[in-house]
Amino acid sequence: MPRTSPRPAAEPASAPDDARYLALAARDARFDGRFFTGVTSTGIYCRPVCGVRTPRRENCRFYDLAAQAEAAGFRPCLRCRPELAPRQLVWSTQDAPAILAREAVRLLESGTLQDPAHGAGLQALAARLGVSDRHLRRVFEASLGVSPLQYLQTRRLLAAKQLLTDTDLPVTQVALASGFGSVRRFNAAFQGHYGLNPTQLRQRGAARAPGATLRLAYRPPLDVPALLGFFGQRCMPGVEEVLVTDALQALRRTVRWPSAAGGAAPHAGWIDVRFDRARPLVWLQVSESLYPVLPQVMARVRGMLDLDADPEAIDAVLGAAFPGTAGLRVPGAFDGFELAVRAVLGQQISVAAARTLAARLADRFGEPVATPWEALTRLFPSPATLAAAEGDALGALGIVRQRQAAIVALARAVDAGRLALHAGADVAATTAALCALPGIGDWTAQYIAMRALRWPDAFPAGDVAVHAALGLKGTARPAVAAAAAADGWRPWRSYAVVRAWHAGPAASSGVGKLPHQ
C-alpha cells in the first residue's frame, strides 16, 4: 500500500553504492543490516538477503539505517522483514560527533530511558550524555541522517511489526510492549508509516503457533561451538543449561527483568535459544511471563550472543594477528549484575570452582521459578537479596571474606541505583565505580565492561593470555607494554582478548588473570 510521502528522485550512481548493489544481487548475508535498499519502483525497502527478484540498479537507493529508509518514504518489505536484520553502527574512538551519536543510539536501544519519545525524555538523554538536547539533535542528524525521535520511532515500529508477525500477542499488548503509551498512538503511527493497521498486517502473515517464537538474525561467520562452549564451561546448575547434540545447539536459562518505576513486581521466567544449523538465524522462545517486556528481552539476548557484531569489520583489524578466528564473538550476559557477581566469585580460582560457588549462591539465595525443564529451577539472586546477605551465610558457601565484602558492596550499589550494569551504561564512569568497590580491580572491571556493558574496546591489560599473544610473557611490566602494543587493535580490543583466550595453552594457565569468571 503506497505511502503518502513522495518517492525519492533519481540519484547518480556512486562506487560504494555499486558495491552494495553487487552484495544485494548476491544476497550476501555478511552485509545483512549493514545497509538497506529502497526500491523506487515499489516504495519498499529490503535487506541485502531478500529473496525477491533483484531490482534494476537505477531503481535502488541505499541507506545505512532502516530509519533513514523510512524517513525517505519507503515501507519495510513484508518478505525479508527488515526488523530481523542485525543492527549496525560504525564504532569510532576518535570522531567525537560519531561517538556522541553512537552513545545516544546505545541508550535508545537499551530501553533504560523513560519514554524518550517526548521532550522530557530527550532532555534526559542529552543530560545523560552531557550535552544540550539541541546539540544532541544536531549531531545525531548530521551523523545518521535522522533525528533521535525518528530513529526511536522506527525501532519501536519494527519491534511491533515483529511481535505482530511472530507472536499471537493481542494488539494492545504489542503496543505497550513496543514502547507506545497507548493503542491509539500505536495505531496512528503504524497506519501513518506503513499504510496498514496492525490487524491487517497480522492477517497478511503466515499462520503462527501459539505463544512466541522469535527470529534473531546475525551476520556470518559465527563460531557457534566456541560460543556455546564458553557458556557451557560456566553453566550454573539450576539456572542455565547448554545442549549440544547432532540435532540441537541450544542455551536455556532462567531470567528476571527488573520492575519498572512504581513498585511493580519484576518479570521472571525463562528463555530458550536455539541456533539454526542451515541459516544465520537464532530461534528464541520465552515464557509467557516475559511477554510484556519482549523487545527488551530480545535486545538482551542479542547482546548475550553478540548477534550484532560485524565480523568483516572486526577481522579487518584483527585478522592478521589472529588468523582464522573471524567467527569468534564476545560472549555477553543477560543480567549484568549476575555477571559481575560471578566475576568476583571467580577471582583467583578455576572456572569449575567459580561455577560451583555460583550454583551454591543461587541455591541458597535465589528464588524458585517454574520452567518446562527439570534442570532449570531457580533465578539468580537479586541485588536486593545479596545486599542484605550476612557474611556468615556467604562464608558457609565457601566464599572467602574478601569476596563476601565485594559481593555485598556490589549488590548495594546496584540496588541503590548508584551502579548500572547494562549496555546503556556509561563505560568510563561504570568501570571507575567498580574499581572503587572493595575487592574489584581493573581486570574484573574491564571483564564486566566486555561482557555486561557490551563495550567492544574493553581491555584487561593484566591478562596473561593477552601477554602471550603479544609475546610479552616474562617481560618487565607486561600490562603497560600490552596496553601500548594493543593500541592497533582499537576499537575491537574486546574481540582481540577473546581471540587470545581462544588461542591455546596460554589461555589455561596463570591463576586469577584468565577468564575464570
Protein backbone atom coordinates (compact mmCIF):
# COMPACT_ATOMS: atom_id res chain seq x y z
CA MET A 1 0.00 0.00 0.00
CA PRO A 2 1.65 3.31 -1.07
CA ARG A 3 2.86 5.89 1.38
CA THR A 4 1.68 9.48 1.16
CA SER A 5 5.24 10.83 1.01
CA PRO A 6 6.80 11.14 -2.46
CA ARG A 7 9.32 8.61 -3.68
CA PRO A 8 12.91 9.86 -3.97
CA ALA A 9 14.02 11.27 -7.28
CA ALA A 10 16.68 9.56 -9.36
CA GLU A 11 20.21 9.82 -7.97
CA PRO A 12 23.57 9.36 -9.68
CA ALA A 13 25.37 6.07 -9.11
CA SER A 14 28.37 6.00 -6.80
CA ALA A 15 31.15 3.46 -6.37
CA PRO A 16 30.12 2.48 -2.79
CA ASP A 17 26.52 2.05 -3.91
CA ASP A 18 27.63 -0.04 -6.89
CA ALA A 19 29.42 -2.36 -4.44
CA ARG A 20 26.28 -2.54 -2.32
CA TYR A 21 24.27 -3.46 -5.39
CA LEU A 22 26.63 -6.38 -6.05
CA ALA A 23 26.13 -7.55 -2.44
CA LEU A 24 22.37 -7.22 -2.93
CA ALA A 25 22.46 -9.23 -6.14
CA ALA A 26 24.48 -11.96 -4.40
CA ARG A 27 22.16 -11.93 -1.34
CA ASP A 28 25.32 -11.95 0.79
CA ALA A 29 24.40 -12.48 4.46
CA ARG A 30 27.66 -10.85 5.58
CA PHE A 31 26.11 -7.49 4.64
CA ASP A 32 22.80 -8.07 6.40
CA GLY A 33 21.95 -5.00 8.47
CA ARG A 34 24.95 -3.05 7.14
CA PHE A 35 22.67 -1.33 4.64
CA PHE A 36 19.08 -1.32 3.37
CA THR A 37 17.89 -0.90 -0.21
CA GLY A 38 14.94 1.31 -1.09
CA VAL A 39 13.36 0.42 -4.42
CA THR A 40 11.75 3.44 -6.09
CA SER A 41 9.53 1.33 -8.35
CA THR A 42 7.77 -0.28 -5.37
CA GLY A 43 8.28 2.17 -2.49
CA ILE A 44 9.64 -0.70 -0.35
CA TYR A 45 13.00 -1.14 1.39
CA CYS A 46 14.69 -4.50 1.87
CA ARG A 47 17.62 -6.28 3.49
CA PRO A 48 20.50 -7.41 1.26
CA VAL A 49 19.38 -11.04 1.79
CA CYS A 50 15.86 -10.51 0.45
CA GLY A 51 14.75 -13.37 -1.79
CA VAL A 52 12.73 -11.29 -4.27
CA ARG A 53 13.94 -10.69 -7.81
CA THR A 54 16.87 -8.25 -7.78
CA PRO A 55 15.61 -4.77 -8.76
CA ARG A 56 17.20 -2.72 -11.52
CA ARG A 57 20.22 -0.72 -10.39
CA GLU A 58 18.68 2.63 -11.33
CA ASN A 59 15.71 1.92 -9.03
CA CYS A 60 17.86 1.29 -5.94
CA ARG A 61 18.64 3.77 -3.18
CA PHE A 62 20.94 2.66 -0.35
CA TYR A 63 20.71 3.59 3.33
CA ASP A 64 22.80 2.76 6.37
CA LEU A 65 19.80 2.57 8.71
CA ALA A 66 16.20 1.44 8.47
CA ALA A 67 15.18 4.79 9.95
CA GLN A 68 16.85 6.58 7.02
CA ALA A 69 14.91 4.48 4.51
CA GLU A 70 11.63 5.17 6.29
CA ALA A 71 12.41 8.89 6.53
CA ALA A 72 12.90 8.84 2.73
CA GLY A 73 9.39 7.44 2.28
CA PHE A 74 9.97 3.68 1.94
CA ARG A 75 7.97 0.94 3.70
CA PRO A 76 9.55 -2.25 5.12
CA CYS A 77 9.41 -5.37 2.99
CA LEU A 78 6.96 -7.99 4.29
CA ARG A 79 9.09 -10.81 2.89
CA CYS A 80 12.63 -10.17 4.15
CA ARG A 81 11.36 -8.21 7.19
CA PRO A 82 13.95 -5.50 7.98
CA GLU A 83 13.14 -5.79 11.68
CA LEU A 84 15.06 -9.10 11.70
CA ALA A 85 18.32 -7.60 10.44
CA PRO A 86 21.33 -7.39 12.78
CA ARG A 87 21.91 -3.85 13.96
CA GLN A 88 24.78 -1.82 12.60
CA LEU A 89 26.63 1.21 13.89
CA VAL A 90 30.17 2.17 12.98
CA TRP A 91 32.44 2.37 16.05
CA SER A 92 35.00 5.12 16.39
CA THR A 93 37.34 6.17 19.16
CA GLN A 94 38.42 9.48 17.57
CA ASP A 95 35.45 11.11 15.81
CA ALA A 96 33.68 13.00 18.64
CA PRO A 97 30.32 13.52 16.85
CA ALA A 98 30.23 9.85 15.81
CA ILE A 99 30.98 8.80 19.41
CA LEU A 100 28.15 11.00 20.72
CA ALA A 101 25.68 9.65 18.16
CA ARG A 102 26.76 6.09 18.89
CA GLU A 103 26.29 6.56 22.62
CA ALA A 104 22.85 8.07 22.04
CA VAL A 105 21.88 5.04 19.98
CA ARG A 106 23.19 2.69 22.70
CA LEU A 107 20.97 4.41 25.25
CA LEU A 108 17.92 4.41 22.97
CA GLU A 109 18.41 0.72 22.20
CA SER A 110 18.96 -0.23 25.84
CA GLY A 111 15.44 0.76 26.87
CA THR A 112 16.75 2.31 30.09
CA LEU A 113 15.30 5.79 29.49
CA GLN A 114 11.76 6.66 30.45
CA ASP A 115 9.79 7.40 27.26
CA PRO A 116 12.43 9.30 25.23
CA ALA A 117 9.78 9.96 22.56
CA HIS A 118 8.73 13.06 24.49
CA GLY A 119 10.64 16.26 25.14
CA ALA A 120 11.46 15.44 28.75
CA GLY A 121 12.86 12.07 27.71
CA LEU A 122 15.04 13.65 25.02
CA GLN A 123 16.33 16.16 27.55
CA ALA A 124 17.14 13.29 29.91
CA LEU A 125 19.01 11.53 27.11
CA ALA A 126 21.00 14.68 26.36
CA ALA A 127 21.73 15.23 30.05
CA ARG A 128 22.95 11.64 30.35
CA LEU A 129 25.39 12.38 27.54
CA GLY A 130 26.46 15.74 28.98
CA VAL A 131 25.18 17.92 26.12
CA SER A 132 22.14 20.07 25.38
CA ASP A 133 19.16 18.49 23.63
CA ARG A 134 19.63 20.93 20.74
CA HIS A 135 23.25 19.85 20.27
CA LEU A 136 22.26 16.18 20.51
CA ARG A 137 19.65 16.57 17.78
CA ARG A 138 22.10 18.43 15.54
CA VAL A 139 24.89 15.87 15.94
CA PHE A 140 22.54 12.89 15.66
CA GLU A 141 21.01 14.17 12.43
CA ALA A 142 24.40 15.11 10.95
CA SER A 143 25.88 11.67 11.78
CA LEU A 144 22.91 9.41 10.99
CA GLY A 145 20.62 11.44 8.75
CA VAL A 146 17.58 11.17 11.03
CA SER A 147 16.54 12.71 14.33
CA PRO A 148 16.68 10.77 17.60
CA LEU A 149 12.88 10.61 17.64
CA GLN A 150 12.73 9.30 14.08
CA TYR A 151 15.28 6.63 14.96
CA LEU A 152 13.38 5.60 18.08
CA GLN A 153 10.04 5.58 16.28
CA THR A 154 11.40 3.27 13.57
CA ARG A 155 12.88 0.88 16.17
CA ARG A 156 9.56 0.75 18.03
CA LEU A 157 7.52 0.19 14.89
CA LEU A 158 9.84 -2.56 13.65
CA ALA A 159 9.73 -4.23 17.07
CA ALA A 160 5.93 -4.08 16.96
CA LYS A 161 5.95 -5.47 13.42
CA GLN A 162 7.99 -8.48 14.56
CA LEU A 163 5.71 -9.15 17.53
CA LEU A 164 2.63 -8.93 15.29
CA THR A 165 4.19 -11.35 12.80
CA ASP A 166 5.89 -13.87 15.11
CA THR A 167 3.56 -13.99 18.13
CA ASP A 168 -0.11 -14.24 18.99
CA LEU A 169 0.03 -11.39 21.49
CA PRO A 170 -3.04 -9.12 21.46
CA VAL A 171 -2.52 -5.82 19.62
CA THR A 172 -2.90 -3.91 22.88
CA GLN A 173 -0.07 -5.88 24.47
CA VAL A 174 2.09 -5.45 21.36
CA ALA A 175 1.57 -1.67 21.50
CA LEU A 176 2.55 -1.39 25.15
CA ALA A 177 5.47 -3.83 24.89
CA SER A 178 6.89 -1.89 21.93
CA GLY A 179 7.02 1.35 23.90
CA PHE A 180 3.86 3.13 22.76
CA GLY A 181 1.93 4.81 25.54
CA SER A 182 -1.47 3.94 24.11
CA VAL A 183 -3.09 1.76 21.47
CA ARG A 184 -4.45 4.85 19.74
CA ARG A 185 -0.96 6.32 19.34
CA PHE A 186 0.35 2.95 18.15
CA ASN A 187 -2.39 2.53 15.53
CA ALA A 188 -1.86 6.06 14.22
CA ALA A 189 1.92 5.60 13.92
CA PHE A 190 1.58 2.21 12.25
CA GLN A 191 -1.00 3.44 9.76
CA GLY A 192 0.97 6.60 9.02
CA HIS A 193 4.27 4.79 8.38
CA TYR A 194 3.17 1.55 6.75
CA GLY A 195 -0.25 2.26 5.25
CA LEU A 196 -1.69 -0.68 7.19
CA ASN A 197 -3.31 -1.02 10.55
CA PRO A 198 -1.80 -3.66 12.84
CA THR A 199 -4.66 -6.10 12.36
CA GLN A 200 -4.25 -6.01 8.58
CA LEU A 201 -0.56 -6.85 8.88
CA ARG A 202 -1.33 -9.81 11.12
CA GLN A 203 -3.95 -11.11 8.69
CA ARG A 204 -1.40 -10.98 5.84
CA GLY A 205 1.17 -13.01 7.79
CA ALA A 206 1.62 -16.78 7.82
CA ALA A 207 -0.09 -18.97 10.40
CA ARG A 208 1.53 -18.72 13.82
CA ALA A 209 1.95 -21.33 16.50
CA PRO A 210 0.56 -20.35 19.91
CA GLY A 211 2.98 -18.34 22.04
CA ALA A 212 6.09 -16.51 20.96
CA THR A 213 8.88 -17.93 18.79
CA LEU A 214 11.04 -15.08 17.57
CA ARG A 215 13.72 -14.97 14.90
CA LEU A 216 17.03 -13.19 15.51
CA ALA A 217 19.40 -12.84 12.56
CA TYR A 218 23.17 -12.32 12.58
CA ARG A 219 25.99 -11.79 10.10
CA PRO A 220 28.10 -14.90 9.43
CA PRO A 221 30.51 -16.29 10.27
CA LEU A 222 29.64 -17.20 13.86
CA ASP A 223 31.53 -19.96 15.66
CA VAL A 224 28.54 -21.47 17.46
CA PRO A 225 30.52 -24.34 19.08
CA ALA A 226 33.01 -21.87 20.57
CA LEU A 227 30.26 -19.58 21.84
CA LEU A 228 28.25 -22.39 23.41
CA GLY A 229 31.46 -23.97 24.70
CA PHE A 230 32.25 -20.75 26.57
CA PHE A 231 28.79 -20.67 28.15
CA GLY A 232 28.85 -24.42 28.76
CA GLN A 233 32.08 -24.28 30.78
CA ARG A 234 30.48 -21.67 33.04
CA CYS A 235 26.99 -23.19 33.10
CA MET A 236 25.38 -22.70 36.54
CA PRO A 237 23.27 -25.73 37.58
CA GLY A 238 19.68 -24.82 38.30
CA VAL A 239 19.91 -21.51 36.43
CA GLU A 240 21.19 -22.32 32.95
CA GLU A 241 21.76 -25.25 30.62
CA VAL A 242 23.69 -25.68 27.37
CA LEU A 243 22.78 -28.52 25.00
CA VAL A 244 24.94 -29.53 22.03
CA THR A 245 23.95 -32.62 20.03
CA ASP A 246 23.92 -33.63 16.38
CA ALA A 247 20.42 -32.16 16.09
CA LEU A 248 20.47 -29.32 18.60
CA GLN A 249 22.63 -26.34 19.59
CA ALA A 250 20.80 -24.58 22.38
CA LEU A 251 21.09 -22.48 25.51
CA ARG A 252 18.34 -22.26 28.12
CA ARG A 253 18.24 -20.25 31.28
CA THR A 254 16.02 -18.58 33.86
CA VAL A 255 15.87 -14.78 33.74
CA ARG A 256 14.48 -11.83 35.63
CA TRP A 257 13.63 -8.45 34.14
CA PRO A 258 13.56 -5.67 36.74
CA SER A 259 10.30 -3.94 37.52
CA ALA A 260 9.52 -0.53 36.08
CA ALA A 261 9.15 2.52 38.26
CA GLY A 262 6.15 2.29 40.55
CA GLY A 263 6.97 -0.82 42.53
CA ALA A 264 5.56 -3.42 40.13
CA ALA A 265 6.89 -6.94 40.52
CA PRO A 266 9.76 -7.94 38.21
CA HIS A 267 9.08 -10.22 35.26
CA ALA A 268 10.60 -13.65 35.93
CA GLY A 269 10.66 -16.62 33.58
CA TRP A 270 12.86 -18.48 31.11
CA ILE A 271 14.35 -18.22 27.63
CA ASP A 272 15.21 -20.99 25.17
CA VAL A 273 17.74 -20.07 22.45
CA ARG A 274 18.37 -22.42 19.51
CA PHE A 275 20.80 -21.90 16.65
CA ASP A 276 19.56 -22.70 13.15
CA ARG A 277 22.10 -25.02 11.52
CA ALA A 278 21.17 -24.06 7.96
CA ARG A 279 20.81 -20.26 8.17
CA PRO A 280 22.38 -17.36 10.09
CA LEU A 281 19.41 -17.35 12.42
CA VAL A 282 18.61 -17.89 16.09
CA TRP A 283 15.20 -19.04 17.32
CA LEU A 284 14.13 -17.55 20.63
CA GLN A 285 11.30 -18.83 22.80
CA VAL A 286 10.34 -17.12 26.04
CA SER A 287 7.94 -17.83 28.87
CA GLU A 288 4.56 -16.10 28.82
CA SER A 289 5.56 -14.15 31.93
CA LEU A 290 8.09 -12.22 29.81
CA TYR A 291 5.64 -11.15 27.08
CA PRO A 292 5.23 -7.60 28.47
CA VAL A 293 8.98 -6.98 28.01
CA LEU A 294 9.62 -8.97 24.83
CA PRO A 295 11.52 -6.25 22.90
CA GLN A 296 13.83 -5.72 25.87
CA VAL A 297 14.38 -9.47 26.25
CA MET A 298 15.17 -9.78 22.54
CA ALA A 299 17.69 -6.95 22.74
CA ARG A 300 19.33 -8.51 25.80
CA VAL A 301 19.59 -11.92 24.07
CA ARG A 302 21.14 -10.26 21.02
CA GLY A 303 23.76 -8.76 23.31
CA MET A 304 24.29 -12.01 25.22
CA LEU A 305 25.09 -13.83 21.96
CA ASP A 306 26.77 -10.81 20.31
CA LEU A 307 24.50 -11.15 17.29
CA ASP A 308 25.03 -7.57 16.12
CA ALA A 309 28.79 -7.96 15.66
CA ASP A 310 30.22 -7.16 12.23
CA PRO A 311 32.82 -9.92 11.65
CA GLU A 312 34.16 -8.36 8.46
CA ALA A 313 34.94 -5.00 10.09
CA ILE A 314 36.43 -6.68 13.17
CA ASP A 315 38.57 -9.13 11.20
CA ALA A 316 39.92 -6.33 9.03
CA VAL A 317 41.65 -5.04 12.17
CA LEU A 318 42.41 -8.30 13.99
CA GLY A 319 42.73 -10.88 11.22
CA ALA A 320 46.50 -10.52 10.75
CA ALA A 321 47.20 -11.02 14.47
CA PHE A 322 44.63 -13.79 14.94
CA PRO A 323 44.10 -15.59 11.62
CA GLY A 324 41.19 -17.99 11.24
CA THR A 325 39.16 -16.61 14.18
CA ALA A 326 36.63 -14.37 12.40
CA GLY A 327 33.69 -16.36 13.80
CA LEU A 328 34.52 -15.70 17.47
CA ARG A 329 32.21 -13.36 19.36
CA VAL A 330 32.39 -11.69 22.76
CA PRO A 331 30.01 -13.70 24.97
CA GLY A 332 27.69 -11.34 26.79
CA ALA A 333 25.34 -11.71 29.72
CA PHE A 334 21.59 -11.47 30.11
CA ASP A 335 21.95 -9.97 33.59
CA GLY A 336 24.90 -7.64 34.18
CA PHE A 337 24.62 -7.91 37.95
CA GLU A 338 24.79 -11.70 37.79
CA LEU A 339 27.84 -11.50 35.54
CA ALA A 340 29.57 -9.07 37.91
CA VAL A 341 28.93 -11.27 40.96
CA ARG A 342 30.26 -14.30 39.10
CA ALA A 343 33.32 -12.31 38.04
CA VAL A 344 34.03 -11.55 41.69
CA LEU A 345 33.44 -15.17 42.70
CA GLY A 346 35.88 -16.37 40.05
CA GLN A 347 38.86 -14.28 41.09
CA GLN A 348 41.94 -16.40 41.80
CA ILE A 349 40.13 -19.75 41.29
CA SER A 350 39.35 -22.09 38.40
CA VAL A 351 36.32 -21.99 36.13
CA ALA A 352 34.91 -25.15 37.74
CA ALA A 353 35.34 -23.79 41.28
CA ALA A 354 33.71 -20.48 40.33
CA ARG A 355 30.79 -22.33 38.78
CA THR A 356 30.33 -24.37 41.98
CA LEU A 357 30.26 -21.23 44.14
CA ALA A 358 27.76 -19.52 41.82
CA ALA A 359 25.48 -22.56 41.95
CA ARG A 360 25.62 -22.59 45.75
CA LEU A 361 24.78 -18.89 45.82
CA ALA A 362 21.78 -19.39 43.54
CA ASP A 363 20.57 -22.39 45.52
CA ARG A 364 20.85 -20.54 48.86
CA PHE A 365 19.62 -17.07 47.90
CA GLY A 366 17.83 -17.47 44.55
CA GLU A 367 14.07 -17.71 44.15
CA PRO A 368 12.33 -20.79 42.71
CA VAL A 369 10.83 -20.44 39.24
CA ALA A 370 8.71 -22.76 37.10
CA THR A 371 10.15 -23.89 33.76
CA PRO A 372 9.43 -26.76 31.32
CA TRP A 373 12.76 -28.40 32.23
CA GLU A 374 13.81 -30.21 35.38
CA ALA A 375 17.34 -28.80 35.12
CA LEU A 376 16.16 -25.17 35.46
CA THR A 377 14.55 -24.38 38.79
CA ARG A 378 15.95 -21.15 40.24
CA LEU A 379 16.61 -17.50 39.49
CA PHE A 380 19.96 -15.95 40.29
CA PRO A 381 19.70 -13.83 43.47
CA SER A 382 18.57 -10.23 43.02
CA PRO A 383 20.72 -7.24 44.07
CA ALA A 384 18.33 -6.53 46.96
CA THR A 385 18.71 -10.07 48.28
CA LEU A 386 22.51 -10.09 48.19
CA ALA A 387 22.69 -6.55 49.54
CA ALA A 388 21.11 -7.88 52.73
CA ALA A 389 23.16 -11.09 52.87
CA GLU A 390 25.08 -11.78 56.04
CA GLY A 391 28.78 -12.57 55.93
CA ASP A 392 28.32 -15.83 57.84
CA ALA A 393 25.74 -17.05 55.31
CA LEU A 394 28.07 -16.28 52.41
CA GLY A 395 31.03 -17.79 54.23
CA ALA A 396 29.11 -21.03 54.74
CA LEU A 397 29.04 -21.39 50.95
CA GLY A 398 32.83 -21.34 50.77
CA ILE A 399 33.15 -17.67 49.74
CA VAL A 400 36.19 -16.04 51.34
CA ARG A 401 35.80 -12.86 53.40
CA GLN A 402 37.27 -10.52 50.77
CA ARG A 403 34.82 -11.80 48.14
CA GLN A 404 31.94 -11.52 50.62
CA ALA A 405 32.63 -7.81 51.09
CA ALA A 406 32.94 -7.24 47.33
CA ILE A 407 29.64 -9.01 46.55
CA VAL A 408 27.68 -7.16 49.23
CA ALA A 409 29.16 -3.77 48.21
CA LEU A 410 28.40 -4.51 44.55
CA ALA A 411 24.82 -5.56 45.36
CA ARG A 412 24.19 -2.47 47.46
CA ALA A 413 25.50 -0.16 44.74
CA VAL A 414 23.27 -1.76 42.10
CA ASP A 415 20.24 -1.99 44.38
CA ALA A 416 20.54 1.69 45.32
CA GLY A 417 20.80 2.73 41.66
CA ARG A 418 24.36 4.05 42.00
CA LEU A 419 25.68 1.47 39.54
CA ALA A 420 24.11 0.29 36.27
CA LEU A 421 25.45 -2.83 34.56
CA HIS A 422 23.93 -2.96 31.10
CA ALA A 423 24.75 -1.90 27.55
CA GLY A 424 23.38 1.63 28.03
CA ALA A 425 25.66 2.44 30.97
CA ASP A 426 28.48 4.98 30.81
CA VAL A 427 31.57 2.78 30.38
CA ALA A 428 34.21 5.08 31.89
CA ALA A 429 32.07 6.03 34.89
CA THR A 430 30.97 2.45 35.49
CA THR A 431 34.46 0.93 35.37
CA ALA A 432 35.71 3.67 37.71
CA ALA A 433 32.84 2.97 40.13
CA LEU A 434 33.58 -0.75 40.01
CA CYS A 435 37.25 -0.22 40.80
CA ALA A 436 36.24 1.94 43.77
CA LEU A 437 34.42 -1.03 45.35
CA PRO A 438 36.36 -3.30 47.72
CA GLY A 439 37.90 -6.35 46.09
CA ILE A 440 37.38 -5.26 42.47
CA GLY A 441 40.35 -4.26 40.32
CA ASP A 442 40.93 -3.22 36.74
CA TRP A 443 40.90 -6.77 35.28
CA THR A 444 37.46 -7.50 36.73
CA ALA A 445 36.10 -4.08 35.77
CA GLN A 446 37.28 -4.49 32.17
CA TYR A 447 35.88 -8.03 32.05
CA ILE A 448 32.49 -6.68 33.17
CA ALA A 449 32.74 -3.91 30.54
CA MET A 450 33.35 -6.55 27.85
CA ARG A 451 30.51 -8.86 28.76
CA ALA A 452 27.88 -6.84 30.65
CA LEU A 453 28.33 -3.33 29.21
CA ARG A 454 28.94 -4.77 25.69
CA TRP A 455 31.91 -2.44 25.16
CA PRO A 456 33.91 -3.61 22.12
CA ASP A 457 37.10 -1.86 23.18
CA ALA A 458 37.49 -3.10 26.76
CA PHE A 459 40.97 -4.31 27.54
CA PRO A 460 42.14 -6.14 30.69
CA ALA A 461 45.80 -5.23 30.28
CA GLY A 462 46.92 -7.64 33.00
CA ASP A 463 45.61 -10.74 31.22
CA VAL A 464 48.38 -13.30 30.74
CA ALA A 465 46.79 -14.80 27.60
CA VAL A 466 46.98 -11.36 26.01
CA HIS A 467 50.61 -11.09 27.15
CA ALA A 468 51.35 -14.41 25.45
CA ALA A 469 49.59 -13.32 22.25
CA LEU A 470 51.71 -10.18 22.18
CA GLY A 471 54.95 -12.02 23.01
CA LEU A 472 55.27 -10.21 26.34
CA LYS A 473 55.20 -13.17 28.70
CA GLY A 474 58.02 -12.90 31.22
CA THR A 475 58.91 -9.31 30.36
CA ALA A 476 59.03 -6.43 32.83
CA ARG A 477 55.75 -4.54 33.32
CA PRO A 478 53.83 -6.62 30.76
CA ALA A 479 50.50 -4.86 31.44
CA VAL A 480 51.91 -1.47 30.43
CA ALA A 481 53.54 -2.95 27.36
CA ALA A 482 50.34 -4.82 26.44
CA ALA A 483 48.23 -1.66 26.59
CA ALA A 484 50.67 0.11 24.28
CA ALA A 485 51.04 -2.80 21.86
CA ALA A 486 47.29 -3.40 21.63
CA ASP A 487 46.57 0.17 20.55
CA GLY A 488 46.41 -1.01 16.95
CA TRP A 489 43.52 -3.31 17.85
CA ARG A 490 41.19 -0.39 18.64
CA PRO A 491 38.20 -0.20 18.65
CA TRP A 492 37.93 -4.01 18.85
CA ARG A 493 40.21 -4.90 21.75
CA SER A 494 37.45 -6.92 23.47
CA TYR A 495 37.41 -9.21 20.44
CA ALA A 496 41.21 -9.40 20.48
CA VAL A 497 41.06 -10.59 24.09
CA VAL A 498 38.55 -13.32 23.22
CA ARG A 499 40.75 -14.42 20.33
CA ALA A 500 43.76 -14.52 22.63
CA TRP A 501 41.81 -16.64 25.12
CA HIS A 502 40.90 -18.98 22.29
CA ALA A 503 44.48 -19.22 21.04
CA GLY A 504 45.59 -22.23 23.06
CA PRO A 505 47.58 -23.29 26.11
CA ALA A 506 48.28 -19.74 27.26
CA ALA A 507 44.59 -19.37 27.99
CA SER A 508 44.58 -22.15 30.58
CA SER A 509 47.49 -21.19 32.80
CA GLY A 510 48.12 -18.35 35.21
CA VAL A 511 45.62 -18.43 38.05
CA GLY A 512 43.49 -15.34 38.55
CA LYS A 513 44.32 -13.49 35.34
CA LEU A 514 42.37 -15.53 32.84
CA PRO A 515 38.65 -15.78 32.03
CA HIS A 516 37.74 -17.92 35.04
CA GLN A 517 34.58 -15.92 35.57
